[in-house]
């Protein structure tokens, strides 16, 4: 069974969020749906999108597990964003959590699974 994933992130200020997510994800959107929605394909058939929905902004919580955790977090820092929280769990998994201007939580995890 093929599965596609579109993980949505509601934002209150679309232009500010667009710039922030370009820095977080390291590129412009893969495609722009409209003046209020943009999509980044983070892996084949797996996408993250932002949409101007002020009444819902600030409530998203997503974690992306990556095999290049240290390089990924360092690359994001090089683009001017620092995690608001870093954790290491008892099983060795690490997580760096970033919060966008609305407070939406985007985490990157890596390590043993």
PDB file of N, CA and C in Angstrom:
ATOM      1  N   UNK A   1       0.842  -1.173   0.000  1.00  0.00           N
ATOM      2  CA  UNK A   1       0.000   0.000   0.000  1.00  0.00           C
ATOM      3  C   UNK A   1       0.891   1.241   0.000  1.00  0.00           C
ATOM      4  N   UNK A   2       0.718   2.102  -0.968  1.00  0.00           N
ATOM      5  CA  UNK A   2       1.457   3.362  -1.025  1.00  0.00           C
ATOM      6  C   UNK A   2       0.802   4.368  -0.087  1.00  0.00           C
ATOM      7  N   UNK A   3       1.633   5.133   0.585  1.00  0.00           N
ATOM      8  CA  UNK A   3       1.128   6.145   1.512  1.00  0.00           C
ATOM      9  C   UNK A   3       1.827   7.465   1.229  1.00  0.00           C
ATOM     10  N   UNK A   4       1.061   8.519   1.044  1.00  0.00           N
ATOM     11  CA  UNK A   4       1.582   9.875   0.931  1.00  0.00           C
ATOM     12  C   UNK A   4       1.224  10.605   2.216  1.00  0.00           C
ATOM     13  N   UNK A   5       2.094  11.496   2.663  1.00  0.00           N
ATOM     14  CA  UNK A   5       1.833  12.260   3.876  1.00  0.00           C
ATOM     15  C   UNK A   5       1.966  13.742   3.575  1.00  0.00           C
ATOM     16  N   UNK A   6       0.949  14.521   3.932  1.00  0.00           N
ATOM     17  CA  UNK A   6       0.975  15.973   3.889  1.00  0.00           C
ATOM     18  C   UNK A   6       0.718  16.448   5.316  1.00  0.00           C
ATOM     19  N   UNK A   7       1.753  16.956   5.966  1.00  0.00           N
ATOM     20  CA  UNK A   7       1.638  17.436   7.344  1.00  0.00           C
ATOM     21  C   UNK A   7       1.450  18.948   7.310  1.00  0.00           C
ATOM     22  N   UNK A   8       0.298  19.412   7.773  1.00  0.00           N
ATOM     23  CA  UNK A   8      -0.048  20.822   7.705  1.00  0.00           C
ATOM     24  C   UNK A   8       0.336  21.607   8.932  1.00  0.00           C
ATOM     25  N   UNK A   9       0.715  22.863   8.687  1.00  0.00           N
ATOM     26  CA  UNK A   9       1.106  23.780   9.754  1.00  0.00           C
ATOM     27  C   UNK A   9       0.359  25.092   9.541  1.00  0.00           C
ATOM     28  N   UNK A  10      -0.621  25.387  10.398  1.00  0.00           N
ATOM     29  CA  UNK A  10      -1.354  26.654  10.255  1.00  0.00           C
ATOM     30  C   UNK A  10      -0.524  27.823  10.788  1.00  0.00           C
ATOM     31  N   UNK A  11      -0.529  28.914  10.038  1.00  0.00           N
ATOM     32  CA  UNK A  11       0.254  30.094  10.416  1.00  0.00           C
ATOM     33  C   UNK A  11      -0.623  31.347  10.369  1.00  0.00           C
ATOM     34  N   UNK A  12      -0.216  32.349  11.140  1.00  0.00           N
ATOM     35  CA  UNK A  12      -0.992  33.593  11.166  1.00  0.00           C
ATOM     36  C   UNK A  12      -0.432  34.656  10.231  1.00  0.00           C
ATOM     37  N   UNK A  13       0.854  34.636   9.968  1.00  0.00           N
ATOM     38  CA  UNK A  13       1.500  35.614   9.083  1.00  0.00           C
ATOM     39  C   UNK A  13       2.215  34.827   7.996  1.00  0.00           C
ATOM     40  N   UNK A  14       1.551  34.646   6.859  1.00  0.00           N
ATOM     41  CA  UNK A  14       2.084  33.790   5.799  1.00  0.00           C
ATOM     42  C   UNK A  14       3.457  34.240   5.297  1.00  0.00           C
ATOM     43  N   UNK A  15       3.668  35.515   4.953  1.00  0.00           N
ATOM     44  CA  UNK A  15       4.994  35.911   4.453  1.00  0.00           C
ATOM     45  C   UNK A  15       6.112  35.651   5.474  1.00  0.00           C
ATOM     46  N   UNK A  16       5.871  35.942   6.751  1.00  0.00           N
ATOM     47  CA  UNK A  16       6.882  35.693   7.781  1.00  0.00           C
ATOM     48  C   UNK A  16       7.135  34.196   7.944  1.00  0.00           C
ATOM     49  N   UNK A  17       6.077  33.408   7.923  1.00  0.00           N
ATOM     50  CA  UNK A  17       6.224  31.959   8.054  1.00  0.00           C
ATOM     51  C   UNK A  17       6.956  31.376   6.853  1.00  0.00           C
ATOM     52  N   UNK A  18       6.660  31.862   5.660  1.00  0.00           N
ATOM     53  CA  UNK A  18       7.323  31.385   4.455  1.00  0.00           C
ATOM     54  C   UNK A  18       8.836  31.580   4.566  1.00  0.00           C
ATOM     55  N   UNK A  19       9.251  32.754   4.989  1.00  0.00           N
ATOM     56  CA  UNK A  19      10.686  33.032   5.162  1.00  0.00           C
ATOM     57  C   UNK A  19      11.286  32.147   6.246  1.00  0.00           C
ATOM     58  N   UNK A  20      10.581  31.954   7.358  1.00  0.00           N
ATOM     59  CA  UNK A  20      11.091  31.139   8.468  1.00  0.00           C
ATOM     60  C   UNK A  20      11.255  29.690   8.031  1.00  0.00           C
ATOM     61  N   UNK A  21      10.265  29.129   7.358  1.00  0.00           N
ATOM     62  CA  UNK A  21      10.343  27.732   6.939  1.00  0.00           C
ATOM     63  C   UNK A  21      11.380  27.524   5.840  1.00  0.00           C
ATOM     64  N   UNK A  22      11.619  28.528   5.008  1.00  0.00           N
ATOM     65  CA  UNK A  22      12.713  28.426   4.039  1.00  0.00           C
ATOM     66  C   UNK A  22      14.045  28.306   4.762  1.00  0.00           C
ATOM     67  N   UNK A  23      14.212  29.048   5.853  1.00  0.00           N
ATOM     68  CA  UNK A  23      15.445  28.939   6.644  1.00  0.00           C
ATOM     69  C   UNK A  23      15.512  27.597   7.350  1.00  0.00           C
ATOM     70  N   UNK A  24      14.408  27.160   7.943  1.00  0.00           N
ATOM     71  CA  UNK A  24      14.401  25.882   8.657  1.00  0.00           C
ATOM     72  C   UNK A  24      14.699  24.723   7.717  1.00  0.00           C
ATOM     73  N   UNK A  25      14.025  24.695   6.576  1.00  0.00           N
ATOM     74  CA  UNK A  25      14.129  23.553   5.674  1.00  0.00           C
ATOM     75  C   UNK A  25      15.231  23.705   4.625  1.00  0.00           C
ATOM     76  N   UNK A  26      15.832  24.886   4.547  1.00  0.00           N
ATOM     77  CA  UNK A  26      16.995  25.086   3.702  1.00  0.00           C
ATOM     78  C   UNK A  26      16.719  25.289   2.225  1.00  0.00           C
ATOM     79  N   UNK A  27      15.472  25.586   1.869  1.00  0.00           N
ATOM     80  CA  UNK A  27      15.157  25.811   0.459  1.00  0.00           C
ATOM     81  C   UNK A  27      13.812  26.506   0.338  1.00  0.00           C
ATOM     82  N   UNK A  28      13.563  27.080  -0.840  1.00  0.00           N
ATOM     83  CA  UNK A  28      12.219  27.586  -1.102  1.00  0.00           C
ATOM     84  C   UNK A  28      11.242  26.411  -1.172  1.00  0.00           C
ATOM     85  N   UNK A  29       9.959  26.672  -1.136  1.00  0.00           N
ATOM     86  CA  UNK A  29       8.993  25.580  -1.241  1.00  0.00           C
ATOM     87  C   UNK A  29       9.175  24.791  -2.532  1.00  0.00           C
ATOM     88  N   UNK A  30       8.823  23.533  -2.479  1.00  0.00           N
ATOM     89  CA  UNK A  30       8.827  22.693  -3.676  1.00  0.00           C
ATOM     90  C   UNK A  30       7.800  23.223  -4.674  1.00  0.00           C
ATOM     91  N   UNK A  31       6.662  23.618  -4.144  1.00  0.00           N
ATOM     92  CA  UNK A  31       5.673  24.292  -4.979  1.00  0.00           C
ATOM     93  C   UNK A  31       4.776  25.148  -4.106  1.00  0.00           C
ATOM     94  N   UNK A  32       4.228  26.189  -4.726  1.00  0.00           N
ATOM     95  CA  UNK A  32       3.327  27.123  -4.056  1.00  0.00           C
ATOM     96  C   UNK A  32       1.932  26.841  -4.589  1.00  0.00           C
ATOM     97  N   UNK A  33       1.033  26.521  -3.670  1.00  0.00           N
ATOM     98  CA  UNK A  33      -0.338  26.177  -4.047  1.00  0.00           C
ATOM     99  C   UNK A  33      -1.140  27.432  -4.368  1.00  0.00           C
ATOM    100  N   UNK A  34      -0.976  28.450  -3.531  1.00  0.00           N
ATOM    101  CA  UNK A  34      -1.723  29.695  -3.692  1.00  0.00           C
ATOM    102  C   UNK A  34      -0.973  30.798  -2.957  1.00  0.00           C
ATOM    103  N   UNK A  35      -1.582  31.966  -2.860  1.00  0.00           N
ATOM    104  CA  UNK A  35      -0.966  33.078  -2.126  1.00  0.00           C
ATOM    105  C   UNK A  35      -0.924  32.834  -0.625  1.00  0.00           C
ATOM    106  N   UNK A  36      -1.548  31.745  -0.167  1.00  0.00           N
ATOM    107  CA  UNK A  36      -1.616  31.481   1.271  1.00  0.00           C
ATOM    108  C   UNK A  36      -1.183  30.059   1.645  1.00  0.00           C
ATOM    109  N   UNK A  37      -0.579  29.329   0.701  1.00  0.00           N
ATOM    110  CA  UNK A  37      -0.186  27.948   0.997  1.00  0.00           C
ATOM    111  C   UNK A  37       1.044  27.552   0.188  1.00  0.00           C
ATOM    112  N   UNK A  38       2.025  26.949   0.878  1.00  0.00           N
ATOM    113  CA  UNK A  38       3.262  26.497   0.238  1.00  0.00           C
ATOM    114  C   UNK A  38       3.626  25.111   0.770  1.00  0.00           C
ATOM    115  N   UNK A  39       4.253  24.302  -0.098  1.00  0.00           N
ATOM    116  CA  UNK A  39       4.552  22.906   0.221  1.00  0.00           C
ATOM    117  C   UNK A  39       6.034  22.618   0.001  1.00  0.00           C
ATOM    118  N   UNK A  40       6.639  21.911   0.958  1.00  0.00           N
ATOM    119  CA  UNK A  40       7.996  21.403   0.827  1.00  0.00           C
ATOM    120  C   UNK A  40       7.927  19.880   0.820  1.00  0.00           C
ATOM    121  N   UNK A  41       8.467  19.251  -0.212  1.00  0.00           N
ATOM    122  CA  UNK A  41       8.570  17.794  -0.210  1.00  0.00           C
ATOM    123  C   UNK A  41       9.862  17.460   0.527  1.00  0.00           C
ATOM    124  N   UNK A  42       9.748  16.808   1.672  1.00  0.00           N
ATOM    125  CA  UNK A  42      10.918  16.507   2.489  1.00  0.00           C
ATOM    126  C   UNK A  42      11.497  15.134   2.185  1.00  0.00           C
ATOM    127  N   UNK A  43      10.714  14.272   1.569  1.00  0.00           N
ATOM    128  CA  UNK A  43      11.129  12.964   1.071  1.00  0.00           C
ATOM    129  C   UNK A  43      10.050  12.540   0.076  1.00  0.00           C
ATOM    130  N   UNK A  44      10.340  11.547  -0.718  1.00  0.00           N
ATOM    131  CA  UNK A  44       9.361  11.131  -1.709  1.00  0.00           C
ATOM    132  C   UNK A  44       8.023  10.800  -1.049  1.00  0.00           C
ATOM    133  N   UNK A  45       6.987  11.449  -1.516  1.00  0.00           N
ATOM    134  CA  UNK A  45       5.611  11.240  -1.024  1.00  0.00           C
ATOM    135  C   UNK A  45       5.406  11.701   0.427  1.00  0.00           C
ATOM    136  N   UNK A  46       6.288  12.567   0.912  1.00  0.00           N
ATOM    137  CA  UNK A  46       6.180  13.087   2.278  1.00  0.00           C
ATOM    138  C   UNK A  46       6.432  14.587   2.227  1.00  0.00           C
ATOM    139  N   UNK A  47       5.404  15.338   2.588  1.00  0.00           N
ATOM    140  CA  UNK A  47       5.494  16.790   2.469  1.00  0.00           C
ATOM    141  C   UNK A  47       5.027  17.491   3.733  1.00  0.00           C
ATOM    142  N   UNK A  48       5.563  18.687   3.908  1.00  0.00           N
ATOM    143  CA  UNK A  48       5.144  19.597   4.968  1.00  0.00           C
ATOM    144  C   UNK A  48       4.614  20.836   4.269  1.00  0.00           C
ATOM    145  N   UNK A  49       3.489  21.348   4.739  1.00  0.00           N
ATOM    146  CA  UNK A  49       2.983  22.566   4.130  1.00  0.00           C
ATOM    147  C   UNK A  49       2.556  23.557   5.192  1.00  0.00           C
ATOM    148  N   UNK A  50       2.671  24.833   4.834  1.00  0.00           N
ATOM    149  CA  UNK A  50       2.151  25.903   5.678  1.00  0.00           C
ATOM    150  C   UNK A  50       0.934  26.485   4.980  1.00  0.00           C
ATOM    151  N   UNK A  51      -0.009  26.921   5.796  1.00  0.00           N
ATOM    152  CA  UNK A  51      -1.209  27.545   5.243  1.00  0.00           C
ATOM    153  C   UNK A  51      -1.662  28.666   6.174  1.00  0.00           C
ATOM    154  N   UNK A  52      -2.050  29.766   5.586  1.00  0.00           N
ATOM    155  CA  UNK A  52      -2.534  30.904   6.368  1.00  0.00           C
ATOM    156  C   UNK A  52      -3.903  30.555   6.952  1.00  0.00           C
ATOM    157  N   UNK A  53      -3.901  30.161   8.205  1.00  0.00           N
ATOM    158  CA  UNK A  53      -5.120  29.838   8.968  1.00  0.00           C
ATOM    159  C   UNK A  53      -4.931  30.401  10.375  1.00  0.00           C
ATOM    160  N   UNK A  54      -5.045  31.716  10.532  1.00  0.00           N
ATOM    161  CA  UNK A  54      -4.730  32.361  11.807  1.00  0.00           C
ATOM    162  C   UNK A  54      -5.476  31.789  13.007  1.00  0.00           C
ATOM    163  N   UNK A  55      -6.708  31.349  12.795  1.00  0.00           N
ATOM    164  CA  UNK A  55      -7.496  30.838  13.914  1.00  0.00           C
ATOM    165  C   UNK A  55      -6.973  29.512  14.453  1.00  0.00           C
ATOM    166  N   UNK A  56      -6.101  28.851  13.713  1.00  0.00           N
ATOM    167  CA  UNK A  56      -5.530  27.569  14.153  1.00  0.00           C
ATOM    168  C   UNK A  56      -4.029  27.632  14.402  1.00  0.00           C
ATOM    169  N   UNK A  57      -3.406  28.775  14.141  1.00  0.00           N
ATOM    170  CA  UNK A  57      -1.950  28.901  14.226  1.00  0.00           C
ATOM    171  C   UNK A  57      -1.427  28.599  15.625  1.00  0.00           C
ATOM    172  N   UNK A  58      -0.260  27.976  15.663  1.00  0.00           N
ATOM    173  CA  UNK A  58       0.437  27.736  16.920  1.00  0.00           C
ATOM    174  C   UNK A  58       0.181  26.389  17.555  1.00  0.00           C
ATOM    175  N   UNK A  59      -0.555  25.511  16.910  1.00  0.00           N
ATOM    176  CA  UNK A  59      -0.921  24.238  17.536  1.00  0.00           C
ATOM    177  C   UNK A  59      -0.317  23.003  16.875  1.00  0.00           C
ATOM    178  N   UNK A  60       0.467  23.167  15.815  1.00  0.00           N
ATOM    179  CA  UNK A  60       1.060  22.008  15.130  1.00  0.00           C
ATOM    180  C   UNK A  60       2.220  21.441  15.942  1.00  0.00           C
ATOM    181  N   UNK A  61       2.364  20.130  15.867  1.00  0.00           N
ATOM    182  CA  UNK A  61       3.479  19.437  16.523  1.00  0.00           C
ATOM    183  C   UNK A  61       3.917  18.305  15.591  1.00  0.00           C
ATOM    184  N   UNK A  62       5.077  18.482  14.951  1.00  0.00           N
ATOM    185  CA  UNK A  62       5.586  17.479  14.014  1.00  0.00           C
ATOM    186  C   UNK A  62       7.039  17.187  14.347  1.00  0.00           C
ATOM    187  N   UNK A  63       7.438  15.934  14.204  1.00  0.00           N
ATOM    188  CA  UNK A  63       8.838  15.542  14.357  1.00  0.00           C
ATOM    189  C   UNK A  63       9.254  14.760  13.125  1.00  0.00           C
ATOM    190  N   UNK A  64      10.375  15.147  12.542  1.00  0.00           N
ATOM    191  CA  UNK A  64      10.940  14.467  11.388  1.00  0.00           C
ATOM    192  C   UNK A  64      12.183  13.713  11.854  1.00  0.00           C
ATOM    193  N   UNK A  65      12.238  12.408  11.637  1.00  0.00           N
ATOM    194  CA  UNK A  65      13.429  11.637  11.978  1.00  0.00           C
ATOM    195  C   UNK A  65      14.349  11.619  10.769  1.00  0.00           C
ATOM    196  N   UNK A  66      15.601  11.979  10.990  1.00  0.00           N
ATOM    197  CA  UNK A  66      16.580  12.095   9.912  1.00  0.00           C
ATOM    198  C   UNK A  66      17.829  11.299  10.261  1.00  0.00           C
ATOM    199  N   UNK A  67      18.524  10.820   9.228  1.00  0.00           N
ATOM    200  CA  UNK A  67      19.745  10.057   9.486  1.00  0.00           C
ATOM    201  C   UNK A  67      20.979  10.943   9.555  1.00  0.00           C
ATOM    202  N   UNK A  68      20.816  12.229   9.276  1.00  0.00           N
ATOM    203  CA  UNK A  68      21.932  13.182   9.340  1.00  0.00           C
ATOM    204  C   UNK A  68      21.657  14.243  10.420  1.00  0.00           C
ATOM    205  N   UNK A  69      21.249  13.792  11.584  1.00  0.00           N
ATOM    206  CA  UNK A  69      20.785  14.684  12.652  1.00  0.00           C
ATOM    207  C   UNK A  69      21.761  15.833  12.928  1.00  0.00           C
ATOM    208  N   UNK A  70      23.021  15.509  13.218  1.00  0.00           N
ATOM    209  CA  UNK A  70      23.992  16.561  13.580  1.00  0.00           C
ATOM    210  C   UNK A  70      24.180  17.561  12.446  1.00  0.00           C
ATOM    211  N   UNK A  71      24.342  17.053  11.218  1.00  0.00           N
ATOM    212  CA  UNK A  71      24.512  17.952  10.075  1.00  0.00           C
ATOM    213  C   UNK A  71      23.267  18.787   9.839  1.00  0.00           C
ATOM    214  N   UNK A  72      22.109  18.193  10.007  1.00  0.00           N
ATOM    215  CA  UNK A  72      20.843  18.903   9.790  1.00  0.00           C
ATOM    216  C   UNK A  72      20.701  20.055  10.781  1.00  0.00           C
ATOM    217  N   UNK A  73      20.908  19.779  12.063  1.00  0.00           N
ATOM    218  CA  UNK A  73      20.768  20.818  13.089  1.00  0.00           C
ATOM    219  C   UNK A  73      21.832  21.898  12.899  1.00  0.00           C
ATOM    220  N   UNK A  74      23.046  21.504  12.535  1.00  0.00           N
ATOM    221  CA  UNK A  74      24.107  22.487  12.282  1.00  0.00           C
ATOM    222  C   UNK A  74      23.762  23.350  11.070  1.00  0.00           C
ATOM    223  N   UNK A  75      23.198  22.750  10.025  1.00  0.00           N
ATOM    224  CA  UNK A  75      22.794  23.513   8.849  1.00  0.00           C
ATOM    225  C   UNK A  75      21.719  24.533   9.168  1.00  0.00           C
ATOM    226  N   UNK A  76      20.772  24.135   9.990  1.00  0.00           N
ATOM    227  CA  UNK A  76      19.702  25.056  10.401  1.00  0.00           C
ATOM    228  C   UNK A  76      20.298  26.202  11.211  1.00  0.00           C
ATOM    229  N   UNK A  77      21.222  25.876  12.121  1.00  0.00           N
ATOM    230  CA  UNK A  77      21.880  26.919  12.912  1.00  0.00           C
ATOM    231  C   UNK A  77      22.644  27.879  11.998  1.00  0.00           C
ATOM    232  N   UNK A  78      23.265  27.347  10.962  1.00  0.00           N
ATOM    233  CA  UNK A  78      23.977  28.178   9.998  1.00  0.00           C
ATOM    234  C   UNK A  78      23.072  29.142   9.253  1.00  0.00           C
ATOM    235  N   UNK A  79      21.786  28.817   9.226  1.00  0.00           N
ATOM    236  CA  UNK A  79      20.809  29.710   8.597  1.00  0.00           C
ATOM    237  C   UNK A  79      20.115  30.606   9.627  1.00  0.00           C
ATOM    238  N   UNK A  80      20.646  30.613  10.857  1.00  0.00           N
ATOM    239  CA  UNK A  80      20.186  31.566  11.860  1.00  0.00           C
ATOM    240  C   UNK A  80      19.091  31.114  12.797  1.00  0.00           C
ATOM    241  N   UNK A  81      18.755  29.825  12.804  1.00  0.00           N
ATOM    242  CA  UNK A  81      17.722  29.328  13.720  1.00  0.00           C
ATOM    243  C   UNK A  81      18.340  28.350  14.711  1.00  0.00           C
ATOM    244  N   UNK A  82      18.012  28.516  15.959  1.00  0.00           N
ATOM    245  CA  UNK A  82      18.494  27.616  17.015  1.00  0.00           C
ATOM    246  C   UNK A  82      17.312  26.876  17.635  1.00  0.00           C
ATOM    247  N   UNK A  83      17.517  25.631  18.042  1.00  0.00           N
ATOM    248  CA  UNK A  83      16.427  24.907  18.703  1.00  0.00           C
ATOM    249  C   UNK A  83      16.037  25.587  20.005  1.00  0.00           C
ATOM    250  N   UNK A  84      14.764  25.527  20.329  1.00  0.00           N
ATOM    251  CA  UNK A  84      14.309  26.040  21.621  1.00  0.00           C
ATOM    252  C   UNK A  84      14.485  24.987  22.705  1.00  0.00           C
ATOM    253  N   UNK A  85      14.683  23.737  22.265  1.00  0.00           N
ATOM    254  CA  UNK A  85      14.838  22.646  23.221  1.00  0.00           C
ATOM    255  C   UNK A  85      15.649  21.532  22.569  1.00  0.00           C
ATOM    256  N   UNK A  86      16.538  20.920  23.348  1.00  0.00           N
ATOM    257  CA  UNK A  86      17.307  19.748  22.920  1.00  0.00           C
ATOM    258  C   UNK A  86      17.096  18.665  23.962  1.00  0.00           C
ATOM    259  N   UNK A  87      16.867  17.447  23.486  1.00  0.00           N
ATOM    260  CA  UNK A  87      16.637  16.338  24.406  1.00  0.00           C
ATOM    261  C   UNK A  87      17.408  15.108  23.935  1.00  0.00           C
ATOM    262  N   UNK A  88      17.800  14.277  24.894  1.00  0.00           N
ATOM    263  CA  UNK A  88      18.329  12.952  24.602  1.00  0.00           C
ATOM    264  C   UNK A  88      17.557  11.981  25.478  1.00  0.00           C
ATOM    265  N   UNK A  89      16.902  11.020  24.832  1.00  0.00           N
ATOM    266  CA  UNK A  89      16.080  10.056  25.547  1.00  0.00           C
ATOM    267  C   UNK A  89      16.927   8.877  26.012  1.00  0.00           C
ATOM    268  N   UNK A  90      16.395   8.087  26.918  1.00  0.00           N
ATOM    269  CA  UNK A  90      17.140   6.977  27.516  1.00  0.00           C
ATOM    270  C   UNK A  90      17.578   5.934  26.481  1.00  0.00           C
ATOM    271  N   UNK A  91      16.902   5.868  25.341  1.00  0.00           N
ATOM    272  CA  UNK A  91      17.288   4.912  24.302  1.00  0.00           C
ATOM    273  C   UNK A  91      18.319   5.481  23.331  1.00  0.00           C
ATOM    274  N   UNK A  92      18.811   6.702  23.603  1.00  0.00           N
ATOM    275  CA  UNK A  92      19.832   7.323  22.772  1.00  0.00           C
ATOM    276  C   UNK A  92      19.303   8.227  21.677  1.00  0.00           C
ATOM    277  N   UNK A  93      18.002   8.245  21.454  1.00  0.00           N
ATOM    278  CA  UNK A  93      17.420   9.118  20.435  1.00  0.00           C
ATOM    279  C   UNK A  93      17.549  10.565  20.893  1.00  0.00           C
ATOM    280  N   UNK A  94      17.961  11.416  19.976  1.00  0.00           N
ATOM    281  CA  UNK A  94      18.084  12.849  20.265  1.00  0.00           C
ATOM    282  C   UNK A  94      17.014  13.615  19.497  1.00  0.00           C
ATOM    283  N   UNK A  95      16.617  14.743  20.061  1.00  0.00           N
ATOM    284  CA  UNK A  95      15.607  15.583  19.412  1.00  0.00           C
ATOM    285  C   UNK A  95      15.971  17.045  19.603  1.00  0.00           C
ATOM    286  N   UNK A  96      15.871  17.801  18.517  1.00  0.00           N
ATOM    287  CA  UNK A  96      16.038  19.252  18.549  1.00  0.00           C
ATOM    288  C   UNK A  96      14.699  19.844  18.128  1.00  0.00           C
ATOM    289  N   UNK A  97      14.125  20.677  18.980  1.00  0.00           N
ATOM    290  CA  UNK A  97      12.811  21.251  18.725  1.00  0.00           C
ATOM    291  C   UNK A  97      12.956  22.724  18.367  1.00  0.00           C
ATOM    292  N   UNK A  98      12.323  23.097  17.281  1.00  0.00           N
ATOM    293  CA  UNK A  98      12.277  24.486  16.824  1.00  0.00           C
ATOM    294  C   UNK A  98      10.832  24.951  16.930  1.00  0.00           C
ATOM    295  N   UNK A  99      10.654  26.241  17.207  1.00  0.00           N
ATOM    296  CA  UNK A  99       9.303  26.823  17.252  1.00  0.00           C
ATOM    297  C   UNK A  99       9.257  27.988  16.266  1.00  0.00           C
ATOM    298  N   UNK A 100       8.251  27.951  15.408  1.00  0.00           N
ATOM    299  CA  UNK A 100       8.096  29.031  14.445  1.00  0.00           C
ATOM    300  C   UNK A 100       7.514  30.263  15.148  1.00  0.00           C
ATOM    301  N   UNK A 101       7.362  31.386  14.459  1.00  0.00           N
ATOM    302  CA  UNK A 101       6.857  32.602  15.110  1.00  0.00           C
ATOM    303  C   UNK A 101       5.483  32.450  15.775  1.00  0.00           C
ATOM    304  N   UNK A 102       4.678  31.477  15.337  1.00  0.00           N
ATOM    305  CA  UNK A 102       3.374  31.237  15.955  1.00  0.00           C
ATOM    306  C   UNK A 102       3.445  30.268  17.129  1.00  0.00           C
ATOM    307  N   UNK A 103       4.595  29.615  17.318  1.00  0.00           N
ATOM    308  CA  UNK A 103       4.718  28.618  18.371  1.00  0.00           C
ATOM    309  C   UNK A 103       4.522  27.185  17.896  1.00  0.00           C
ATOM    310  N   UNK A 104       4.291  26.984  16.592  1.00  0.00           N
ATOM    311  CA  UNK A 104       4.211  25.617  16.072  1.00  0.00           C
ATOM    312  C   UNK A 104       5.535  24.914  16.335  1.00  0.00           C
ATOM    313  N   UNK A 105       5.481  23.659  16.719  1.00  0.00           N
ATOM    314  CA  UNK A 105       6.659  22.884  17.079  1.00  0.00           C
ATOM    315  C   UNK A 105       7.066  21.971  15.925  1.00  0.00           C
ATOM    316  N   UNK A 106       8.307  22.147  15.475  1.00  0.00           N
ATOM    317  CA  UNK A 106       8.882  21.306  14.434  1.00  0.00           C
ATOM    318  C   UNK A 106      10.158  20.709  15.021  1.00  0.00           C
ATOM    319  N   UNK A 107      10.170  19.408  15.201  1.00  0.00           N
ATOM    320  CA  UNK A 107      11.317  18.748  15.785  1.00  0.00           C
ATOM    321  C   UNK A 107      12.047  17.901  14.755  1.00  0.00           C
ATOM    322  N   UNK A 108      13.332  17.736  14.987  1.00  0.00           N
ATOM    323  CA  UNK A 108      14.144  16.805  14.209  1.00  0.00           C
ATOM    324  C   UNK A 108      14.715  15.805  15.192  1.00  0.00           C
ATOM    325  N   UNK A 109      14.539  14.536  14.889  1.00  0.00           N
ATOM    326  CA  UNK A 109      15.042  13.474  15.747  1.00  0.00           C
ATOM    327  C   UNK A 109      16.066  12.645  15.015  1.00  0.00           C
ATOM    328  N   UNK A 110      16.956  12.040  15.773  1.00  0.00           N
ATOM    329  CA  UNK A 110      17.964  11.181  15.178  1.00  0.00           C
ATOM    330  C   UNK A 110      18.620  10.322  16.228  1.00  0.00           C
ATOM    331  N   UNK A 111      19.258   9.281  15.773  1.00  0.00           N
ATOM    332  CA  UNK A 111      19.949   8.375  16.682  1.00  0.00           C
ATOM    333  C   UNK A 111      19.318   7.009  16.625  1.00  0.00           C
ATOM    334  N   UNK A 112      19.600   6.176  17.601  1.00  0.00           N
ATOM    335  CA  UNK A 112      19.056   4.807  17.581  1.00  0.00           C
ATOM    336  C   UNK A 112      17.530   4.811  17.574  1.00  0.00           C
ATOM    337  N   UNK A 113      16.979   3.893  16.822  1.00  0.00           N
ATOM    338  CA  UNK A 113      15.517   3.733  16.801  1.00  0.00           C
ATOM    339  C   UNK A 113      15.159   2.321  17.180  1.00  0.00           C
TER     340      UNK A 113
END
